[in-house]
Amino acid sequence: MSQMLAHGIGHDNFLFQDLYFSKKKQQVKSTVKEAACIICDKSLDEGVSVTAKKMGQKLRFFCQYHFPKEY
């Protein structure tokens, strides 16, 4: 909800309420892949938990069976 006070001719003032300014919809461009284990390719829809681990500059996904033990 918004309000705008507009000054008219002379001493007339107008108060506009409940103004909605429409915005042009923007297309969102993205590339999305399902999170799956990089070793066995299992994903969430198979009832397996998948965890992300940053290794160097890359993000790697591991299932509950292949998650590195040192972490």
PDB file of N, CA and C in Angstrom:
ATOM      1  N   MET A   1       0.851  -1.170   0.000  1.00  0.00           N
ATOM      2  CA  MET A   1       0.000   0.000   0.000  1.00  0.00           C
ATOM      3  C   MET A   1       0.896   1.232   0.000  1.00  0.00           C
ATOM      4  N   SER A   2       0.473   2.245  -0.730  1.00  0.00           N
ATOM      5  CA  SER A   2       1.246   3.475  -0.774  1.00  0.00           C
ATOM      6  C   SER A   2       0.300   4.666  -0.820  1.00  0.00           C
ATOM      7  N   GLN A   3       0.834   5.800  -0.476  1.00  0.00           N
ATOM      8  CA  GLN A   3       0.076   7.046  -0.506  1.00  0.00           C
ATOM      9  C   GLN A   3       0.887   8.099  -1.233  1.00  0.00           C
ATOM     10  N   MET A   4       0.165   9.014  -1.908  1.00  0.00           N
ATOM     11  CA  MET A   4       0.829  10.099  -2.606  1.00  0.00           C
ATOM     12  C   MET A   4       0.015  11.368  -2.391  1.00  0.00           C
ATOM     13  N   LEU A   5       0.678  12.430  -1.989  1.00  0.00           N
ATOM     14  CA  LEU A   5       0.038  13.721  -1.801  1.00  0.00           C
ATOM     15  C   LEU A   5       0.356  14.571  -3.014  1.00  0.00           C
ATOM     16  N   ALA A   6      -0.689  15.006  -3.711  1.00  0.00           N
ATOM     17  CA  ALA A   6      -0.504  15.815  -4.913  1.00  0.00           C
ATOM     18  C   ALA A   6      -1.057  17.207  -4.650  1.00  0.00           C
ATOM     19  N   HIS A   7      -0.282  18.207  -5.015  1.00  0.00           N
ATOM     20  CA  HIS A   7      -0.711  19.591  -4.848  1.00  0.00           C
ATOM     21  C   HIS A   7      -1.435  20.026  -6.111  1.00  0.00           C
ATOM     22  N   GLY A   8      -2.629  20.516  -5.930  1.00  0.00           N
ATOM     23  CA  GLY A   8      -3.426  20.958  -7.067  1.00  0.00           C
ATOM     24  C   GLY A   8      -3.293  22.449  -7.291  1.00  0.00           C
ATOM     25  N   ILE A   9      -4.192  22.978  -8.073  1.00  0.00           N
ATOM     26  CA  ILE A   9      -4.205  24.414  -8.373  1.00  0.00           C
ATOM     27  C   ILE A   9      -4.761  25.166  -7.165  1.00  0.00           C
ATOM     28  N   GLY A  10      -4.133  26.239  -6.798  1.00  0.00           N
ATOM     29  CA  GLY A  10      -4.570  27.002  -5.625  1.00  0.00           C
ATOM     30  C   GLY A  10      -4.160  26.305  -4.352  1.00  0.00           C
ATOM     31  N   HIS A  11      -5.123  26.110  -3.454  1.00  0.00           N
ATOM     32  CA  HIS A  11      -4.835  25.471  -2.166  1.00  0.00           C
ATOM     33  C   HIS A  11      -5.384  24.055  -2.110  1.00  0.00           C
ATOM     34  N   ASP A  12      -5.745  23.498  -3.243  1.00  0.00           N
ATOM     35  CA  ASP A  12      -6.301  22.144  -3.263  1.00  0.00           C
ATOM     36  C   ASP A  12      -5.178  21.103  -3.178  1.00  0.00           C
ATOM     37  N   ASN A  13      -5.342  20.177  -2.269  1.00  0.00           N
ATOM     38  CA  ASN A  13      -4.420  19.064  -2.133  1.00  0.00           C
ATOM     39  C   ASN A  13      -5.207  17.777  -2.288  1.00  0.00           C
ATOM     40  N   PHE A  14      -4.606  16.805  -2.923  1.00  0.00           N
ATOM     41  CA  PHE A  14      -5.253  15.517  -3.146  1.00  0.00           C
ATOM     42  C   PHE A  14      -4.388  14.427  -2.536  1.00  0.00           C
ATOM     43  N   LEU A  15      -5.033  13.498  -1.853  1.00  0.00           N
ATOM     44  CA  LEU A  15      -4.331  12.368  -1.272  1.00  0.00           C
ATOM     45  C   LEU A  15      -4.801  11.107  -1.980  1.00  0.00           C
ATOM     46  N   PHE A  16      -3.877  10.450  -2.655  1.00  0.00           N
ATOM     47  CA  PHE A  16      -4.186   9.205  -3.343  1.00  0.00           C
ATOM     48  C   PHE A  16      -3.687   8.061  -2.468  1.00  0.00           C
ATOM     49  N   GLN A  17      -4.569   7.089  -2.221  1.00  0.00           N
ATOM     50  CA  GLN A  17      -4.205   5.947  -1.385  1.00  0.00           C
ATOM     51  C   GLN A  17      -4.325   4.653  -2.177  1.00  0.00           C
ATOM     52  N   ASP A  18      -3.661   3.635  -1.673  1.00  0.00           N
ATOM     53  CA  ASP A  18      -3.716   2.286  -2.244  1.00  0.00           C
ATOM     54  C   ASP A  18      -3.319   2.277  -3.708  1.00  0.00           C
ATOM     55  N   LEU A  19      -2.205   2.907  -4.012  1.00  0.00           N
ATOM     56  CA  LEU A  19      -1.696   2.900  -5.372  1.00  0.00           C
ATOM     57  C   LEU A  19      -0.782   1.693  -5.551  1.00  0.00           C
ATOM     58  N   TYR A  20      -0.933   1.015  -6.640  1.00  0.00           N
ATOM     59  CA  TYR A  20      -0.083  -0.124  -6.967  1.00  0.00           C
ATOM     60  C   TYR A  20       0.621   0.175  -8.276  1.00  0.00           C
ATOM     61  N   PHE A  21       1.916   0.194  -8.229  1.00  0.00           N
ATOM     62  CA  PHE A  21       2.704   0.460  -9.416  1.00  0.00           C
ATOM     63  C   PHE A  21       3.183  -0.875  -9.972  1.00  0.00           C
ATOM     64  N   SER A  22       2.740  -1.179 -11.146  1.00  0.00           N
ATOM     65  CA  SER A  22       3.121  -2.463 -11.737  1.00  0.00           C
ATOM     66  C   SER A  22       4.509  -2.346 -12.351  1.00  0.00           C
ATOM     67  N   LYS A  23       5.258  -3.417 -12.218  1.00  0.00           N
ATOM     68  CA  LYS A  23       6.593  -3.476 -12.781  1.00  0.00           C
ATOM     69  C   LYS A  23       6.611  -4.528 -13.880  1.00  0.00           C
ATOM     70  N   LYS A  24       7.441  -4.288 -14.842  1.00  0.00           N
ATOM     71  CA  LYS A  24       7.593  -5.243 -15.915  1.00  0.00           C
ATOM     72  C   LYS A  24       8.254  -6.507 -15.365  1.00  0.00           C
ATOM     73  N   LYS A  25       7.666  -7.660 -15.648  1.00  0.00           N
ATOM     74  CA  LYS A  25       8.230  -8.914 -15.163  1.00  0.00           C
ATOM     75  C   LYS A  25       9.522  -9.206 -15.905  1.00  0.00           C
ATOM     76  N   GLN A  26      10.504  -9.653 -15.145  1.00  0.00           N
ATOM     77  CA  GLN A  26      11.791  -9.968 -15.736  1.00  0.00           C
ATOM     78  C   GLN A  26      11.959 -11.483 -15.810  1.00  0.00           C
ATOM     79  N   GLN A  27      12.495 -11.925 -16.907  1.00  0.00           N
ATOM     80  CA  GLN A  27      12.777 -13.339 -17.071  1.00  0.00           C
ATOM     81  C   GLN A  27      14.032 -13.688 -16.284  1.00  0.00           C
ATOM     82  N   VAL A  28      13.961 -14.747 -15.519  1.00  0.00           N
ATOM     83  CA  VAL A  28      15.120 -15.216 -14.772  1.00  0.00           C
ATOM     84  C   VAL A  28      15.758 -16.345 -15.574  1.00  0.00           C
ATOM     85  N   LYS A  29      17.012 -16.153 -15.904  1.00  0.00           N
ATOM     86  CA  LYS A  29      17.732 -17.171 -16.660  1.00  0.00           C
ATOM     87  C   LYS A  29      18.722 -17.858 -15.731  1.00  0.00           C
ATOM     88  N   SER A  30      18.609 -19.151 -15.633  1.00  0.00           N
ATOM     89  CA  SER A  30      19.531 -19.895 -14.792  1.00  0.00           C
ATOM     90  C   SER A  30      19.679 -21.308 -15.328  1.00  0.00           C
ATOM     91  N   THR A  31      20.718 -21.942 -14.900  1.00  0.00           N
ATOM     92  CA  THR A  31      20.915 -23.349 -15.223  1.00  0.00           C
ATOM     93  C   THR A  31      20.867 -24.108 -13.902  1.00  0.00           C
ATOM     94  N   VAL A  32      19.969 -25.057 -13.823  1.00  0.00           N
ATOM     95  CA  VAL A  32      19.761 -25.797 -12.584  1.00  0.00           C
ATOM     96  C   VAL A  32      19.949 -27.282 -12.862  1.00  0.00           C
ATOM     97  N   LYS A  33      20.700 -27.930 -11.982  1.00  0.00           N
ATOM     98  CA  LYS A  33      20.876 -29.371 -12.048  1.00  0.00           C
ATOM     99  C   LYS A  33      20.487 -29.968 -10.710  1.00  0.00           C
ATOM    100  N   GLU A  34      19.993 -31.178 -10.746  1.00  0.00           N
ATOM    101  CA  GLU A  34      19.648 -31.867  -9.513  1.00  0.00           C
ATOM    102  C   GLU A  34      20.917 -32.214  -8.744  1.00  0.00           C
ATOM    103  N   ALA A  35      20.864 -32.039  -7.425  1.00  0.00           N
ATOM    104  CA  ALA A  35      22.020 -32.376  -6.587  1.00  0.00           C
ATOM    105  C   ALA A  35      22.127 -33.887  -6.485  1.00  0.00           C
ATOM    106  N   ALA A  36      23.221 -34.431  -6.989  1.00  0.00           N
ATOM    107  CA  ALA A  36      23.447 -35.875  -6.966  1.00  0.00           C
ATOM    108  C   ALA A  36      24.897 -36.136  -6.574  1.00  0.00           C
ATOM    109  N   CYS A  37      25.125 -37.278  -5.985  1.00  0.00           N
ATOM    110  CA  CYS A  37      26.467 -37.682  -5.567  1.00  0.00           C
ATOM    111  C   CYS A  37      27.374 -37.785  -6.795  1.00  0.00           C
ATOM    112  N   ILE A  38      28.591 -37.249  -6.674  1.00  0.00           N
ATOM    113  CA  ILE A  38      29.507 -37.293  -7.816  1.00  0.00           C
ATOM    114  C   ILE A  38      30.108 -38.679  -8.021  1.00  0.00           C
ATOM    115  N   ILE A  39      29.978 -39.570  -7.041  1.00  0.00           N
ATOM    116  CA  ILE A  39      30.556 -40.904  -7.147  1.00  0.00           C
ATOM    117  C   ILE A  39      29.530 -41.915  -7.673  1.00  0.00           C
ATOM    118  N   CYS A  40      28.354 -41.984  -7.038  1.00  0.00           N
ATOM    119  CA  CYS A  40      27.372 -43.002  -7.433  1.00  0.00           C
ATOM    120  C   CYS A  40      26.146 -42.433  -8.140  1.00  0.00           C
ATOM    121  N   ASP A  41      26.034 -41.121  -8.236  1.00  0.00           N
ATOM    122  CA  ASP A  41      24.952 -40.429  -8.943  1.00  0.00           C
ATOM    123  C   ASP A  41      23.578 -40.623  -8.283  1.00  0.00           C
ATOM    124  N   LYS A  42      23.538 -40.975  -6.987  1.00  0.00           N
ATOM    125  CA  LYS A  42      22.265 -41.073  -6.278  1.00  0.00           C
ATOM    126  C   LYS A  42      21.832 -39.674  -5.851  1.00  0.00           C
ATOM    127  N   SER A  43      20.494 -39.461  -5.783  1.00  0.00           N
ATOM    128  CA  SER A  43      19.973 -38.135  -5.442  1.00  0.00           C
ATOM    129  C   SER A  43      18.887 -38.243  -4.386  1.00  0.00           C
ATOM    130  N   LEU A  44      18.287 -37.120  -4.056  1.00  0.00           N
ATOM    131  CA  LEU A  44      17.287 -37.067  -2.983  1.00  0.00           C
ATOM    132  C   LEU A  44      16.045 -37.896  -3.289  1.00  0.00           C
ATOM    133  N   ASP A  45      15.663 -38.002  -4.552  1.00  0.00           N
ATOM    134  CA  ASP A  45      14.437 -38.741  -4.871  1.00  0.00           C
ATOM    135  C   ASP A  45      14.578 -40.246  -4.637  1.00  0.00           C
ATOM    136  N   GLU A  46      15.801 -40.716  -4.411  1.00  0.00           N
ATOM    137  CA  GLU A  46      16.029 -42.127  -4.111  1.00  0.00           C
ATOM    138  C   GLU A  46      16.094 -42.384  -2.605  1.00  0.00           C
ATOM    139  N   GLY A  47      15.767 -41.378  -1.792  1.00  0.00           N
ATOM    140  CA  GLY A  47      15.765 -41.533  -0.341  1.00  0.00           C
ATOM    141  C   GLY A  47      17.141 -41.445   0.283  1.00  0.00           C
ATOM    142  N   VAL A  48      18.080 -40.823  -0.389  1.00  0.00           N
ATOM    143  CA  VAL A  48      19.456 -40.699   0.096  1.00  0.00           C
ATOM    144  C   VAL A  48      19.713 -39.235   0.412  1.00  0.00           C
ATOM    145  N   SER A  49      20.389 -38.966   1.523  1.00  0.00           N
ATOM    146  CA  SER A  49      20.725 -37.577   1.827  1.00  0.00           C
ATOM    147  C   SER A  49      21.961 -37.172   1.023  1.00  0.00           C
ATOM    148  N   VAL A  50      21.929 -35.942   0.521  1.00  0.00           N
ATOM    149  CA  VAL A  50      23.029 -35.416  -0.285  1.00  0.00           C
ATOM    150  C   VAL A  50      23.558 -34.169   0.416  1.00  0.00           C
ATOM    151  N   THR A  51      24.881 -34.113   0.597  1.00  0.00           N
ATOM    152  CA  THR A  51      25.532 -33.002   1.289  1.00  0.00           C
ATOM    153  C   THR A  51      26.523 -32.333   0.355  1.00  0.00           C
ATOM    154  N   ALA A  52      26.560 -31.000   0.380  1.00  0.00           N
ATOM    155  CA  ALA A  52      27.505 -30.245  -0.439  1.00  0.00           C
ATOM    156  C   ALA A  52      28.781 -29.996   0.356  1.00  0.00           C
ATOM    157  N   LYS A  53      29.913 -30.106  -0.317  1.00  0.00           N
ATOM    158  CA  LYS A  53      31.218 -29.869   0.304  1.00  0.00           C
ATOM    159  C   LYS A  53      32.056 -29.068  -0.672  1.00  0.00           C
ATOM    160  N   LYS A  54      32.583 -27.934  -0.211  1.00  0.00           N
ATOM    161  CA  LYS A  54      33.431 -27.120  -1.067  1.00  0.00           C
ATOM    162  C   LYS A  54      34.849 -27.669  -1.020  1.00  0.00           C
ATOM    163  N   MET A  55      35.359 -28.012  -2.170  1.00  0.00           N
ATOM    164  CA  MET A  55      36.705 -28.562  -2.286  1.00  0.00           C
ATOM    165  C   MET A  55      37.471 -27.688  -3.270  1.00  0.00           C
ATOM    166  N   GLY A  56      38.378 -26.893  -2.732  1.00  0.00           N
ATOM    167  CA  GLY A  56      39.082 -25.920  -3.570  1.00  0.00           C
ATOM    168  C   GLY A  56      38.124 -24.810  -3.965  1.00  0.00           C
ATOM    169  N   GLN A  57      37.980 -24.586  -5.240  1.00  0.00           N
ATOM    170  CA  GLN A  57      37.052 -23.570  -5.743  1.00  0.00           C
ATOM    171  C   GLN A  57      35.739 -24.167  -6.226  1.00  0.00           C
ATOM    172  N   LYS A  58      35.581 -25.494  -6.154  1.00  0.00           N
ATOM    173  CA  LYS A  58      34.386 -26.151  -6.678  1.00  0.00           C
ATOM    174  C   LYS A  58      33.518 -26.701  -5.550  1.00  0.00           C
ATOM    175  N   LEU A  59      32.235 -26.798  -5.814  1.00  0.00           N
ATOM    176  CA  LEU A  59      31.275 -27.357  -4.873  1.00  0.00           C
ATOM    177  C   LEU A  59      30.954 -28.776  -5.325  1.00  0.00           C
ATOM    178  N   ARG A  60      31.187 -29.733  -4.468  1.00  0.00           N
ATOM    179  CA  ARG A  60      30.959 -31.144  -4.784  1.00  0.00           C
ATOM    180  C   ARG A  60      29.827 -31.685  -3.918  1.00  0.00           C
ATOM    181  N   PHE A  61      29.043 -32.610  -4.479  1.00  0.00           N
ATOM    182  CA  PHE A  61      27.935 -33.224  -3.757  1.00  0.00           C
ATOM    183  C   PHE A  61      28.266 -34.686  -3.472  1.00  0.00           C
ATOM    184  N   PHE A  62      28.020 -35.094  -2.218  1.00  0.00           N
ATOM    185  CA  PHE A  62      28.275 -36.464  -1.795  1.00  0.00           C
ATOM    186  C   PHE A  62      27.025 -37.026  -1.132  1.00  0.00           C
ATOM    187  N   CYS A  63      26.746 -38.303  -1.376  1.00  0.00           N
ATOM    188  CA  CYS A  63      25.626 -38.951  -0.683  1.00  0.00           C
ATOM    189  C   CYS A  63      26.094 -39.370   0.705  1.00  0.00           C
ATOM    190  N   GLN A  64      25.175 -39.889   1.488  1.00  0.00           N
ATOM    191  CA  GLN A  64      25.503 -40.271   2.865  1.00  0.00           C
ATOM    192  C   GLN A  64      26.500 -41.425   2.919  1.00  0.00           C
ATOM    193  N   TYR A  65      26.631 -42.182   1.840  1.00  0.00           N
ATOM    194  CA  TYR A  65      27.545 -43.322   1.827  1.00  0.00           C
ATOM    195  C   TYR A  65      28.957 -42.941   1.360  1.00  0.00           C
ATOM    196  N   HIS A  66      29.090 -41.870   0.595  1.00  0.00           N
ATOM    197  CA  HIS A  66      30.379 -41.489   0.030  1.00  0.00           C
ATOM    198  C   HIS A  66      30.937 -40.190   0.566  1.00  0.00           C
ATOM    199  N   PHE A  67      30.343 -39.644   1.619  1.00  0.00           N
ATOM    200  CA  PHE A  67      30.856 -38.401   2.196  1.00  0.00           C
ATOM    201  C   PHE A  67      32.227 -38.662   2.796  1.00  0.00           C
ATOM    202  N   PRO A  68      33.233 -37.817   2.503  1.00  0.00           N
ATOM    203  CA  PRO A  68      34.604 -38.054   3.024  1.00  0.00           C
ATOM    204  C   PRO A  68      34.623 -38.152   4.543  1.00  0.00           C
ATOM    205  N   LYS A  69      35.328 -39.132   5.069  1.00  0.00           N
ATOM    206  CA  LYS A  69      35.373 -39.405   6.500  1.00  0.00           C
ATOM    207  C   LYS A  69      36.087 -38.321   7.297  1.00  0.00           C
ATOM    208  N   GLU A  70      37.020 -37.594   6.689  1.00  0.00           N
ATOM    209  CA  GLU A  70      37.780 -36.585   7.438  1.00  0.00           C
ATOM    210  C   GLU A  70      36.971 -35.348   7.758  1.00  0.00           C
ATOM    211  N   TYR A  71      35.732 -35.245   7.302  1.00  0.00           N
ATOM    212  CA  TYR A  71      34.926 -34.045   7.560  1.00  0.00           C
ATOM    213  C   TYR A  71      33.806 -34.362   8.483  1.00  0.00           C
TER     214      TYR A  71
END
